[in-house]
N, C-alpha and C. Protein backbone atom coordinates (compact mmCIF):
# COMPACT_ATOMS: atom_id res chain seq x y z
N UNK A 1 139.79 116.92 120.80
CA UNK A 1 140.16 117.71 119.63
C UNK A 1 141.40 118.54 119.92
N UNK A 2 141.47 119.14 121.14
CA UNK A 2 142.62 119.96 121.50
C UNK A 2 143.89 119.14 121.48
N UNK A 3 143.83 117.91 122.02
CA UNK A 3 145.01 117.04 122.01
C UNK A 3 145.43 116.71 120.59
N UNK A 4 144.44 116.50 119.70
CA UNK A 4 144.74 116.19 118.31
C UNK A 4 145.46 117.35 117.65
N UNK A 5 144.97 118.57 117.87
CA UNK A 5 145.59 119.74 117.27
C UNK A 5 146.99 119.95 117.82
N UNK A 6 147.17 119.80 119.15
CA UNK A 6 148.48 120.00 119.74
C UNK A 6 149.48 118.97 119.23
N UNK A 7 149.02 117.71 119.10
CA UNK A 7 149.90 116.66 118.59
C UNK A 7 150.34 116.96 117.16
N UNK A 8 149.40 117.39 116.32
CA UNK A 8 149.72 117.70 114.92
C UNK A 8 150.65 118.89 114.82
N UNK A 9 150.38 119.93 115.60
CA UNK A 9 151.24 121.11 115.59
C UNK A 9 152.64 120.77 116.12
N UNK A 10 152.71 119.90 117.11
CA UNK A 10 154.01 119.48 117.65
C UNK A 10 154.81 118.73 116.59
N UNK A 11 154.12 117.90 115.81
CA UNK A 11 154.79 117.16 114.73
C UNK A 11 155.38 118.13 113.71
N UNK A 12 154.58 119.12 113.31
CA UNK A 12 155.05 120.12 112.34
C UNK A 12 156.24 120.88 112.91
N UNK A 13 156.13 121.31 114.17
CA UNK A 13 157.17 122.10 114.80
C UNK A 13 158.47 121.31 114.93
N UNK A 14 158.35 120.05 115.35
CA UNK A 14 159.54 119.21 115.53
C UNK A 14 160.26 118.98 114.21
N UNK A 15 159.50 118.65 113.16
CA UNK A 15 160.12 118.39 111.86
C UNK A 15 160.76 119.66 111.29
N UNK A 16 160.08 120.80 111.45
CA UNK A 16 160.61 122.06 110.95
C UNK A 16 161.87 122.47 111.72
N UNK A 17 161.84 122.26 113.05
CA UNK A 17 162.99 122.61 113.89
C UNK A 17 164.20 121.73 113.54
N UNK A 18 163.95 120.47 113.27
CA UNK A 18 165.04 119.55 112.88
C UNK A 18 165.69 120.02 111.58
N UNK A 19 164.86 120.40 110.63
CA UNK A 19 165.39 120.88 109.35
C UNK A 19 166.17 122.19 109.54
N UNK A 20 165.69 123.04 110.43
CA UNK A 20 166.36 124.33 110.63
C UNK A 20 167.72 124.16 111.31
N UNK A 21 167.77 123.30 112.33
CA UNK A 21 168.98 123.18 113.13
C UNK A 21 170.00 122.18 112.56
N UNK A 22 169.48 121.13 111.91
CA UNK A 22 170.38 120.03 111.53
C UNK A 22 170.38 119.74 110.03
N UNK A 23 169.93 120.69 109.25
CA UNK A 23 169.82 120.47 107.81
C UNK A 23 171.14 120.04 107.20
N UNK A 24 172.23 120.63 107.67
CA UNK A 24 173.55 120.31 107.10
C UNK A 24 174.03 118.91 107.46
N UNK A 25 173.40 118.30 108.48
CA UNK A 25 173.81 116.96 108.91
C UNK A 25 172.92 115.86 108.30
N UNK A 26 171.86 116.25 107.66
CA UNK A 26 170.89 115.28 107.15
C UNK A 26 171.15 114.95 105.69
N UNK A 27 170.90 113.70 105.33
CA UNK A 27 170.98 113.30 103.92
C UNK A 27 169.75 113.84 103.19
N UNK A 28 169.79 113.80 101.87
CA UNK A 28 168.65 114.28 101.09
C UNK A 28 167.40 113.44 101.39
N UNK A 29 167.60 112.16 101.59
CA UNK A 29 166.46 111.28 101.90
C UNK A 29 165.85 111.64 103.25
N UNK A 30 166.70 111.94 104.24
CA UNK A 30 166.20 112.33 105.56
C UNK A 30 165.44 113.66 105.49
N UNK A 31 165.95 114.57 104.70
CA UNK A 31 165.27 115.86 104.52
C UNK A 31 163.88 115.65 103.91
N UNK A 32 163.82 114.77 102.91
CA UNK A 32 162.53 114.48 102.27
C UNK A 32 161.54 113.89 103.27
N UNK A 33 162.02 113.00 104.15
CA UNK A 33 161.15 112.39 105.14
C UNK A 33 160.56 113.42 106.10
N UNK A 34 161.37 114.37 106.50
CA UNK A 34 160.88 115.44 107.38
C UNK A 34 159.88 116.33 106.65
N UNK A 35 160.14 116.59 105.38
CA UNK A 35 159.20 117.40 104.60
C UNK A 35 157.88 116.67 104.40
N UNK A 36 157.95 115.35 104.14
CA UNK A 36 156.72 114.55 104.02
C UNK A 36 155.94 114.56 105.33
N UNK A 37 156.66 114.52 106.43
CA UNK A 37 156.02 114.54 107.76
C UNK A 37 155.27 115.85 107.95
N UNK A 38 155.89 116.96 107.57
CA UNK A 38 155.23 118.26 107.67
C UNK A 38 154.01 118.32 106.77
N UNK A 39 154.16 117.82 105.54
CA UNK A 39 153.05 117.84 104.59
C UNK A 39 151.86 117.02 105.10
N UNK A 40 152.13 115.81 105.62
CA UNK A 40 151.06 114.97 106.16
C UNK A 40 150.35 115.65 107.32
N UNK A 41 151.12 116.29 108.20
CA UNK A 41 150.53 116.96 109.36
C UNK A 41 149.68 118.15 108.93
N UNK A 42 150.15 118.89 107.94
CA UNK A 42 149.37 120.03 107.43
C UNK A 42 148.06 119.55 106.80
N UNK A 43 148.14 118.46 106.04
CA UNK A 43 146.93 117.91 105.43
C UNK A 43 145.94 117.43 106.49
N UNK A 44 146.47 116.87 107.59
CA UNK A 44 145.61 116.43 108.69
C UNK A 44 144.90 117.62 109.33
N UNK A 45 145.64 118.70 109.56
CA UNK A 45 145.04 119.91 110.13
C UNK A 45 144.01 120.50 109.18
N UNK A 46 144.32 120.49 107.89
CA UNK A 46 143.40 121.03 106.90
C UNK A 46 142.10 120.25 106.87
N UNK A 47 142.20 118.91 106.95
CA UNK A 47 141.00 118.07 106.96
C UNK A 47 140.18 118.31 108.22
N UNK A 48 140.87 118.48 109.35
CA UNK A 48 140.18 118.75 110.60
C UNK A 48 139.38 120.05 110.50
N UNK A 49 140.00 121.09 109.95
CA UNK A 49 139.31 122.38 109.82
C UNK A 49 138.11 122.27 108.88
N UNK A 50 138.28 121.52 107.77
CA UNK A 50 137.17 121.32 106.84
C UNK A 50 136.00 120.62 107.51
N UNK A 51 136.33 119.57 108.29
CA UNK A 51 135.28 118.80 108.96
C UNK A 51 134.58 119.64 110.03
N UNK A 52 135.34 120.45 110.74
CA UNK A 52 134.74 121.31 111.76
C UNK A 52 133.80 122.32 111.11
N UNK A 53 134.22 122.91 109.99
CA UNK A 53 133.37 123.86 109.28
C UNK A 53 132.11 123.19 108.75
N UNK A 54 132.27 121.99 108.21
CA UNK A 54 131.11 121.26 107.68
C UNK A 54 130.13 120.93 108.79
N UNK A 55 130.66 120.40 109.92
CA UNK A 55 129.78 120.04 111.04
C UNK A 55 129.17 121.28 111.66
N UNK A 56 129.95 122.37 111.72
CA UNK A 56 129.42 123.62 112.27
C UNK A 56 128.24 124.14 111.46
N UNK A 57 128.34 124.05 110.15
CA UNK A 57 127.22 124.47 109.29
C UNK A 57 126.00 123.59 109.53
N UNK A 58 126.25 122.29 109.69
CA UNK A 58 125.14 121.36 109.92
C UNK A 58 124.46 121.65 111.25
N UNK A 59 125.25 121.86 112.29
CA UNK A 59 124.68 122.10 113.62
C UNK A 59 124.00 123.44 113.74
N UNK A 60 124.44 124.42 112.94
CA UNK A 60 123.81 125.75 113.00
C UNK A 60 122.69 125.88 111.98
N UNK A 61 122.34 124.75 111.34
CA UNK A 61 121.25 124.68 110.38
C UNK A 61 121.51 125.53 109.13
N UNK A 62 122.82 125.78 108.85
CA UNK A 62 123.15 126.39 107.57
C UNK A 62 123.01 125.36 106.44
N UNK A 63 123.09 124.08 106.82
CA UNK A 63 122.79 123.02 105.86
C UNK A 63 121.27 122.92 105.74
N UNK A 64 120.79 123.06 104.56
CA UNK A 64 119.37 122.86 104.32
C UNK A 64 119.21 121.75 103.30
N UNK A 65 118.17 120.99 103.46
CA UNK A 65 117.94 119.87 102.56
C UNK A 65 117.25 120.39 101.30
N UNK A 66 118.05 120.60 100.27
CA UNK A 66 117.53 121.12 99.00
C UNK A 66 117.19 119.95 98.08
N UNK A 67 115.98 119.45 98.22
CA UNK A 67 115.55 118.29 97.46
C UNK A 67 115.40 118.64 95.98
N UNK A 68 116.00 117.80 95.15
CA UNK A 68 115.89 117.98 93.70
C UNK A 68 116.04 116.62 93.02
N UNK A 69 115.65 116.57 91.77
CA UNK A 69 115.75 115.32 91.02
C UNK A 69 117.21 114.89 90.89
N UNK A 70 117.47 113.60 91.12
CA UNK A 70 118.83 113.08 91.07
C UNK A 70 118.81 111.65 90.55
N UNK A 71 119.66 111.38 89.55
CA UNK A 71 119.77 110.03 89.03
C UNK A 71 120.88 109.32 89.80
N UNK A 72 120.50 108.34 90.60
CA UNK A 72 121.42 107.76 91.58
C UNK A 72 122.48 106.85 91.00
N UNK A 73 122.17 106.08 89.98
CA UNK A 73 123.14 105.12 89.46
C UNK A 73 124.38 105.84 88.94
N UNK A 74 124.17 106.85 88.12
CA UNK A 74 125.30 107.63 87.59
C UNK A 74 126.03 108.35 88.72
N UNK A 75 125.28 108.90 89.69
CA UNK A 75 125.87 109.61 90.82
C UNK A 75 126.83 108.69 91.59
N UNK A 76 126.37 107.49 91.90
CA UNK A 76 127.20 106.53 92.67
C UNK A 76 128.39 106.04 91.85
N UNK A 77 128.17 105.77 90.57
CA UNK A 77 129.27 105.34 89.70
C UNK A 77 130.37 106.39 89.65
N UNK A 78 129.98 107.63 89.51
CA UNK A 78 130.95 108.72 89.42
C UNK A 78 131.71 108.89 90.74
N UNK A 79 131.00 108.79 91.86
CA UNK A 79 131.64 108.91 93.17
C UNK A 79 132.67 107.80 93.36
N UNK A 80 132.30 106.57 93.06
CA UNK A 80 133.20 105.43 93.23
C UNK A 80 134.40 105.54 92.29
N UNK A 81 134.16 105.93 91.05
CA UNK A 81 135.25 106.08 90.08
C UNK A 81 136.26 107.13 90.53
N UNK A 82 135.76 108.25 91.05
CA UNK A 82 136.65 109.32 91.51
C UNK A 82 137.49 108.86 92.70
N UNK A 83 136.86 108.15 93.64
CA UNK A 83 137.60 107.64 94.79
C UNK A 83 138.63 106.59 94.36
N UNK A 84 138.24 105.72 93.43
CA UNK A 84 139.17 104.70 92.94
C UNK A 84 140.38 105.33 92.28
N UNK A 85 140.15 106.38 91.53
CA UNK A 85 141.26 107.10 90.88
C UNK A 85 142.18 107.70 91.93
N UNK A 86 141.60 108.22 93.02
CA UNK A 86 142.38 108.87 94.07
C UNK A 86 143.27 107.88 94.81
N UNK A 87 142.73 106.70 95.13
CA UNK A 87 143.48 105.74 95.94
C UNK A 87 144.32 104.78 95.11
N UNK A 88 144.13 104.77 93.79
CA UNK A 88 144.90 103.88 92.94
C UNK A 88 144.54 102.42 93.16
N UNK A 89 145.54 101.57 93.29
CA UNK A 89 145.30 100.13 93.43
C UNK A 89 145.37 99.65 94.88
N UNK A 90 145.37 100.58 95.82
CA UNK A 90 145.47 100.17 97.22
C UNK A 90 144.26 99.36 97.67
N UNK A 91 143.09 99.69 97.14
CA UNK A 91 141.86 98.97 97.45
C UNK A 91 141.03 98.83 96.18
N UNK A 92 140.13 97.88 96.20
CA UNK A 92 139.18 97.74 95.09
C UNK A 92 137.82 98.23 95.56
N UNK A 93 137.25 99.18 94.83
CA UNK A 93 135.92 99.70 95.15
C UNK A 93 134.92 99.11 94.15
N UNK A 94 133.87 98.52 94.67
CA UNK A 94 132.87 97.89 93.80
C UNK A 94 131.49 98.48 94.07
N UNK A 95 130.87 98.97 93.03
CA UNK A 95 129.50 99.50 93.12
C UNK A 95 128.55 98.51 92.45
N UNK A 96 127.46 98.19 93.13
CA UNK A 96 126.50 97.26 92.53
C UNK A 96 125.07 97.73 92.77
N UNK A 97 124.24 97.49 91.79
CA UNK A 97 122.81 97.78 91.87
C UNK A 97 122.10 96.93 90.83
N UNK A 98 120.83 96.63 91.06
CA UNK A 98 120.08 95.80 90.13
C UNK A 98 119.39 96.64 89.05
N UNK A 99 119.49 97.94 89.15
CA UNK A 99 118.82 98.82 88.19
C UNK A 99 119.83 99.63 87.39
N UNK A 100 119.45 100.01 86.21
CA UNK A 100 120.30 100.85 85.37
C UNK A 100 120.01 102.33 85.53
N UNK A 101 118.85 102.63 86.09
CA UNK A 101 118.43 104.03 86.19
C UNK A 101 117.50 104.17 87.40
N UNK A 102 117.86 105.07 88.32
CA UNK A 102 117.03 105.32 89.50
C UNK A 102 116.93 106.83 89.70
N UNK A 103 115.80 107.37 89.40
CA UNK A 103 115.59 108.81 89.60
C UNK A 103 114.82 109.03 90.90
N UNK A 104 115.40 109.85 91.78
CA UNK A 104 114.78 110.13 93.08
C UNK A 104 114.85 111.63 93.33
N UNK A 105 114.32 112.03 94.48
CA UNK A 105 114.42 113.42 94.91
C UNK A 105 115.16 113.46 96.24
N UNK A 106 116.44 113.84 96.18
CA UNK A 106 117.31 113.93 97.35
C UNK A 106 118.18 115.18 97.20
N UNK A 107 118.93 115.49 98.25
CA UNK A 107 119.87 116.60 98.20
C UNK A 107 121.23 116.06 97.75
N UNK A 108 121.67 116.45 96.58
CA UNK A 108 122.89 115.91 95.99
C UNK A 108 124.12 116.21 96.84
N UNK A 109 124.22 117.44 97.36
CA UNK A 109 125.39 117.83 98.16
C UNK A 109 125.46 117.04 99.45
N UNK A 110 124.33 116.93 100.15
CA UNK A 110 124.30 116.18 101.40
C UNK A 110 124.60 114.70 101.16
N UNK A 111 124.06 114.16 100.07
CA UNK A 111 124.30 112.75 99.75
C UNK A 111 125.78 112.51 99.46
N UNK A 112 126.41 113.46 98.81
CA UNK A 112 127.85 113.34 98.54
C UNK A 112 128.63 113.29 99.85
N UNK A 113 128.33 114.21 100.78
CA UNK A 113 129.01 114.19 102.08
C UNK A 113 128.80 112.85 102.77
N UNK A 114 127.58 112.37 102.74
CA UNK A 114 127.20 111.12 103.41
C UNK A 114 128.00 109.93 102.87
N UNK A 115 127.90 109.70 101.57
CA UNK A 115 128.55 108.53 100.97
C UNK A 115 130.06 108.67 100.92
N UNK A 116 130.55 109.86 100.66
CA UNK A 116 132.00 110.07 100.60
C UNK A 116 132.66 109.78 101.94
N UNK A 117 132.02 110.21 103.03
CA UNK A 117 132.56 109.94 104.36
C UNK A 117 132.54 108.46 104.68
N UNK A 118 131.43 107.78 104.38
CA UNK A 118 131.34 106.35 104.67
C UNK A 118 132.36 105.55 103.85
N UNK A 119 132.48 105.87 102.58
CA UNK A 119 133.43 105.14 101.73
C UNK A 119 134.88 105.45 102.12
N UNK A 120 135.16 106.71 102.42
CA UNK A 120 136.52 107.10 102.81
C UNK A 120 136.92 106.40 104.10
N UNK A 121 135.99 106.30 105.06
CA UNK A 121 136.27 105.58 106.30
C UNK A 121 136.52 104.10 106.03
N UNK A 122 135.69 103.51 105.17
CA UNK A 122 135.84 102.09 104.84
C UNK A 122 137.22 101.82 104.24
N UNK A 123 137.67 102.72 103.39
CA UNK A 123 138.99 102.59 102.78
C UNK A 123 140.09 102.75 103.84
N UNK A 124 139.95 103.78 104.64
CA UNK A 124 140.97 104.13 105.64
C UNK A 124 141.22 103.01 106.64
N UNK A 125 140.13 102.35 107.06
CA UNK A 125 140.25 101.35 108.12
C UNK A 125 140.30 99.92 107.59
N UNK A 126 140.62 99.76 106.32
CA UNK A 126 140.73 98.43 105.71
C UNK A 126 142.17 98.18 105.27
N UNK A 127 142.60 96.92 105.31
CA UNK A 127 143.95 96.61 104.85
C UNK A 127 144.08 96.82 103.34
N UNK A 128 145.28 97.10 102.90
CA UNK A 128 145.51 97.28 101.47
C UNK A 128 145.15 96.01 100.70
N UNK A 129 144.70 96.21 99.48
CA UNK A 129 144.30 95.15 98.55
C UNK A 129 142.99 94.48 98.97
N UNK A 130 142.29 95.05 99.94
CA UNK A 130 140.97 94.53 100.29
C UNK A 130 139.91 95.24 99.46
N UNK A 131 138.67 94.78 99.60
CA UNK A 131 137.57 95.31 98.78
C UNK A 131 136.58 96.09 99.64
N UNK A 132 136.09 97.18 99.08
CA UNK A 132 135.03 97.98 99.70
C UNK A 132 133.85 98.00 98.74
N UNK A 133 132.65 97.73 99.25
CA UNK A 133 131.47 97.67 98.40
C UNK A 133 130.51 98.82 98.71
N UNK A 134 129.93 99.35 97.65
CA UNK A 134 128.78 100.27 97.78
C UNK A 134 127.62 99.61 97.03
N UNK A 135 126.57 99.27 97.76
CA UNK A 135 125.40 98.63 97.15
C UNK A 135 124.21 99.58 97.22
N UNK A 136 123.45 99.62 96.15
CA UNK A 136 122.29 100.49 96.05
C UNK A 136 121.06 99.67 95.70
N UNK A 137 120.01 99.83 96.48
CA UNK A 137 118.75 99.15 96.18
C UNK A 137 117.59 100.09 96.49
N UNK A 138 116.41 99.77 96.01
CA UNK A 138 115.27 100.65 96.23
C UNK A 138 113.98 99.84 96.37
N UNK A 139 113.09 100.39 97.17
CA UNK A 139 111.75 99.85 97.30
C UNK A 139 110.79 100.96 96.90
N UNK A 140 109.51 100.83 97.23
CA UNK A 140 108.54 101.79 96.74
C UNK A 140 108.81 103.22 97.20
N UNK A 141 109.16 103.38 98.47
CA UNK A 141 109.34 104.73 98.98
C UNK A 141 110.67 104.93 99.69
N UNK A 142 111.59 103.99 99.53
CA UNK A 142 112.86 104.06 100.23
C UNK A 142 114.04 103.71 99.32
N UNK A 143 115.15 104.38 99.60
CA UNK A 143 116.42 104.06 98.95
C UNK A 143 117.36 103.51 100.01
N UNK A 144 118.04 102.42 99.69
CA UNK A 144 118.96 101.80 100.65
C UNK A 144 120.38 101.80 100.08
N UNK A 145 121.32 102.36 100.84
CA UNK A 145 122.74 102.32 100.51
C UNK A 145 123.44 101.44 101.54
N UNK A 146 124.32 100.57 101.08
CA UNK A 146 125.14 99.78 101.99
C UNK A 146 126.61 99.98 101.65
N UNK A 147 127.39 100.32 102.66
CA UNK A 147 128.84 100.44 102.50
C UNK A 147 129.47 99.36 103.39
N UNK A 148 130.17 98.43 102.76
CA UNK A 148 130.74 97.29 103.49
C UNK A 148 132.24 97.21 103.25
N UNK A 149 132.98 96.94 104.32
CA UNK A 149 134.43 96.79 104.19
C UNK A 149 134.91 95.51 104.87
N UNK A 150 136.19 95.24 104.74
CA UNK A 150 136.83 94.08 105.36
C UNK A 150 137.89 94.55 106.34
N UNK A 151 137.57 95.63 107.05
CA UNK A 151 138.57 96.31 107.86
C UNK A 151 138.68 95.86 109.30
N UNK A 152 139.16 96.79 110.14
CA UNK A 152 139.49 96.47 111.52
C UNK A 152 138.26 96.28 112.40
N UNK A 153 137.10 96.74 111.93
CA UNK A 153 135.88 96.60 112.71
C UNK A 153 135.81 97.58 113.87
N UNK A 154 134.65 97.62 114.52
CA UNK A 154 134.40 98.56 115.61
C UNK A 154 134.04 97.78 116.87
N UNK A 155 134.78 97.93 117.95
CA UNK A 155 134.44 97.22 119.19
C UNK A 155 133.02 97.56 119.64
N UNK A 156 132.28 96.59 120.18
CA UNK A 156 130.88 96.82 120.57
C UNK A 156 130.69 98.02 121.49
N UNK A 157 131.63 98.23 122.42
CA UNK A 157 131.46 99.32 123.39
C UNK A 157 131.57 100.71 122.77
N UNK A 158 132.09 100.79 121.53
CA UNK A 158 132.21 102.07 120.86
C UNK A 158 131.09 102.33 119.85
N UNK A 159 130.32 101.32 119.53
CA UNK A 159 129.34 101.46 118.46
C UNK A 159 128.23 102.46 118.79
N UNK A 160 127.86 102.57 120.07
CA UNK A 160 126.82 103.52 120.44
C UNK A 160 127.31 104.97 120.38
N UNK A 161 128.62 105.17 120.42
CA UNK A 161 129.19 106.52 120.42
C UNK A 161 129.66 106.96 119.04
N UNK A 162 129.53 106.09 118.07
CA UNK A 162 130.11 106.32 116.75
C UNK A 162 129.80 107.67 116.13
N UNK A 163 128.54 108.12 116.31
CA UNK A 163 128.08 109.29 115.58
C UNK A 163 128.22 110.58 116.39
N UNK A 164 128.89 110.49 117.55
CA UNK A 164 129.16 111.68 118.34
C UNK A 164 130.47 112.32 117.86
N UNK A 165 130.54 113.66 117.82
CA UNK A 165 131.77 114.32 117.35
C UNK A 165 133.00 113.93 118.17
N UNK A 166 134.10 113.72 117.46
CA UNK A 166 135.42 113.46 118.04
C UNK A 166 135.54 112.11 118.74
N UNK A 167 134.62 111.20 118.47
CA UNK A 167 134.70 109.86 119.05
C UNK A 167 135.41 108.93 118.07
N UNK A 168 136.45 108.24 118.55
CA UNK A 168 137.16 107.26 117.74
C UNK A 168 137.40 106.02 118.58
N UNK A 169 137.25 104.86 117.96
CA UNK A 169 137.42 103.61 118.69
C UNK A 169 138.88 103.41 119.10
N UNK A 170 139.09 102.62 120.15
CA UNK A 170 140.43 102.41 120.69
C UNK A 170 141.33 101.65 119.72
N UNK A 171 140.75 100.87 118.80
CA UNK A 171 141.57 100.04 117.93
C UNK A 171 142.03 100.73 116.65
N UNK A 172 141.80 102.05 116.53
CA UNK A 172 142.25 102.75 115.31
C UNK A 172 143.76 102.95 115.29
N UNK A 173 144.39 102.85 116.46
CA UNK A 173 145.85 102.99 116.51
C UNK A 173 146.31 104.34 115.99
N UNK A 174 147.26 104.32 115.07
CA UNK A 174 147.81 105.56 114.52
C UNK A 174 147.17 105.95 113.20
N UNK A 175 146.09 105.30 112.83
CA UNK A 175 145.38 105.68 111.61
C UNK A 175 144.82 107.09 111.79
N UNK A 176 145.17 108.04 110.91
CA UNK A 176 144.73 109.42 111.12
C UNK A 176 143.23 109.58 110.94
N UNK A 177 142.67 110.55 111.63
CA UNK A 177 141.24 110.83 111.50
C UNK A 177 140.85 111.93 112.46
N UNK A 178 139.73 112.60 112.17
CA UNK A 178 139.30 113.72 113.01
C UNK A 178 138.18 113.34 113.97
N UNK A 179 137.53 112.20 113.75
CA UNK A 179 136.40 111.83 114.58
C UNK A 179 135.14 112.63 114.27
N UNK A 180 135.09 113.24 113.09
CA UNK A 180 133.94 114.07 112.73
C UNK A 180 133.15 113.53 111.55
N UNK A 181 133.75 112.62 110.78
CA UNK A 181 133.11 112.15 109.55
C UNK A 181 131.74 111.54 109.79
N UNK A 182 131.60 110.68 110.80
CA UNK A 182 130.32 110.03 111.04
C UNK A 182 129.30 110.97 111.66
N UNK A 183 129.76 112.00 112.37
CA UNK A 183 128.84 113.01 112.87
C UNK A 183 128.22 113.79 111.71
N UNK A 184 129.03 114.04 110.67
CA UNK A 184 128.53 114.71 109.47
C UNK A 184 127.55 113.79 108.74
N UNK A 185 127.88 112.50 108.67
CA UNK A 185 126.97 111.52 108.06
C UNK A 185 125.62 111.52 108.76
N UNK A 186 125.65 111.48 110.08
CA UNK A 186 124.41 111.44 110.85
C UNK A 186 123.56 112.67 110.59
N UNK A 187 124.19 113.83 110.54
CA UNK A 187 123.42 115.07 110.30
C UNK A 187 122.80 115.08 108.91
N UNK A 188 123.55 114.61 107.91
CA UNK A 188 123.01 114.56 106.54
C UNK A 188 121.81 113.63 106.47
N UNK A 189 121.87 112.51 107.22
CA UNK A 189 120.75 111.56 107.24
C UNK A 189 119.55 112.16 107.95
N UNK A 190 119.79 112.84 109.07
CA UNK A 190 118.71 113.48 109.80
C UNK A 190 117.99 114.52 108.95
N UNK A 191 118.74 115.27 108.17
CA UNK A 191 118.13 116.28 107.31
C UNK A 191 117.26 115.65 106.23
N UNK A 192 117.54 114.40 105.89
CA UNK A 192 116.72 113.67 104.92
C UNK A 192 115.62 112.85 105.62
N UNK A 193 115.55 112.95 106.95
CA UNK A 193 114.63 112.15 107.76
C UNK A 193 114.83 110.65 107.50
N UNK A 194 116.09 110.25 107.39
CA UNK A 194 116.41 108.84 107.15
C UNK A 194 116.95 108.18 108.41
N UNK A 195 117.56 107.02 108.24
CA UNK A 195 118.12 106.29 109.37
C UNK A 195 119.37 105.54 108.93
N UNK A 196 120.20 105.21 109.91
CA UNK A 196 121.44 104.48 109.62
C UNK A 196 121.61 103.37 110.65
N UNK A 197 122.12 102.23 110.18
CA UNK A 197 122.40 101.09 111.05
C UNK A 197 123.83 100.64 110.80
N UNK A 198 124.44 100.07 111.84
CA UNK A 198 125.80 99.57 111.69
C UNK A 198 125.90 98.15 112.23
N UNK A 199 126.58 97.31 111.48
CA UNK A 199 126.92 95.96 111.92
C UNK A 199 128.43 95.82 111.78
N UNK A 200 129.08 95.40 112.85
CA UNK A 200 130.54 95.35 112.81
C UNK A 200 131.09 94.27 113.73
N UNK A 201 132.20 93.69 113.30
CA UNK A 201 132.91 92.70 114.10
C UNK A 201 134.40 92.99 113.99
N UNK A 202 135.06 93.05 115.12
CA UNK A 202 136.48 93.39 115.15
C UNK A 202 137.29 92.42 114.28
N UNK A 203 138.14 93.02 113.44
CA UNK A 203 139.04 92.29 112.53
C UNK A 203 138.32 91.57 111.39
N UNK A 204 137.01 91.79 111.25
CA UNK A 204 136.28 91.15 110.15
C UNK A 204 135.58 92.16 109.24
N UNK A 205 135.33 93.35 109.75
CA UNK A 205 134.75 94.36 108.88
C UNK A 205 133.49 95.01 109.43
N UNK A 206 133.01 95.99 108.67
CA UNK A 206 131.86 96.80 109.09
C UNK A 206 130.94 97.03 107.91
N UNK A 207 129.64 97.05 108.18
CA UNK A 207 128.64 97.39 107.17
C UNK A 207 127.74 98.49 107.71
N UNK A 208 127.70 99.61 107.00
CA UNK A 208 126.77 100.68 107.31
C UNK A 208 125.61 100.60 106.33
N UNK A 209 124.40 100.63 106.84
CA UNK A 209 123.20 100.62 106.01
C UNK A 209 122.45 101.93 106.22
N UNK A 210 122.25 102.67 105.15
CA UNK A 210 121.55 103.96 105.20
C UNK A 210 120.25 103.84 104.42
N UNK A 211 119.16 104.23 105.06
CA UNK A 211 117.85 104.20 104.40
C UNK A 211 117.29 105.61 104.36
N UNK A 212 117.00 106.08 103.16
CA UNK A 212 116.47 107.42 102.97
C UNK A 212 115.13 107.36 102.24
N UNK A 213 114.23 108.27 102.57
CA UNK A 213 112.99 108.34 101.78
C UNK A 213 113.32 108.84 100.38
N UNK A 214 112.72 108.24 99.38
CA UNK A 214 113.06 108.56 97.99
C UNK A 214 112.21 109.67 97.39
N UNK A 215 111.04 109.90 97.98
CA UNK A 215 110.06 110.86 97.44
C UNK A 215 109.66 110.49 96.02
N UNK A 216 109.85 109.22 95.70
CA UNK A 216 109.47 108.70 94.37
C UNK A 216 108.95 107.28 94.55
N UNK A 217 107.93 106.92 93.83
CA UNK A 217 107.41 105.56 93.86
C UNK A 217 108.06 104.74 92.73
N UNK A 218 108.47 103.50 93.06
CA UNK A 218 109.06 102.62 92.08
C UNK A 218 108.09 101.49 91.75
N UNK A 219 108.03 101.13 90.53
CA UNK A 219 107.15 100.02 90.13
C UNK A 219 107.90 98.70 90.22
């Protein structure tokens, strides 16, 4: 984490110093590129701080599982639609379920953190114009969410470390990330007394399967 912060701060400092010392020598396009660089680095730092605060709350048990009635189909549709609007046409997000209405008792805030992190990761580590799926199914006492992508995949030697804070696979390259998203996912699942499984193959994609108790019986 320290190296990540130092690298990001160095990027901001270098771009700002270039603008300060050489602004008169730079074209307008070059100035814009340095400003974009600063903006991206600031957003990266901001996301890191948000993730640290979220994980800190989870680890200090400030996160509590506030179970309440939740209609899942609409919840998932809204989440996918909002993400699709954010990313535009870079990826196609597809939500599928065999039911029109699923009422369960879960924590809405924790579920949002859980699915938003999984979907955001799937988008981030997938090539443009590829598809990301969110599938929802249910049995008598369980809800199953599947997030599947066509991305870079996770090397086998990293899969056991996935849910530890600040762990990132070697093949992520320069794709930005804090290494905290899946740790937050794991904590949200633990608070629901659920479980998560991962299947992944390098350069072919990854599927995360989350199973949560529904606290509701389905006919």
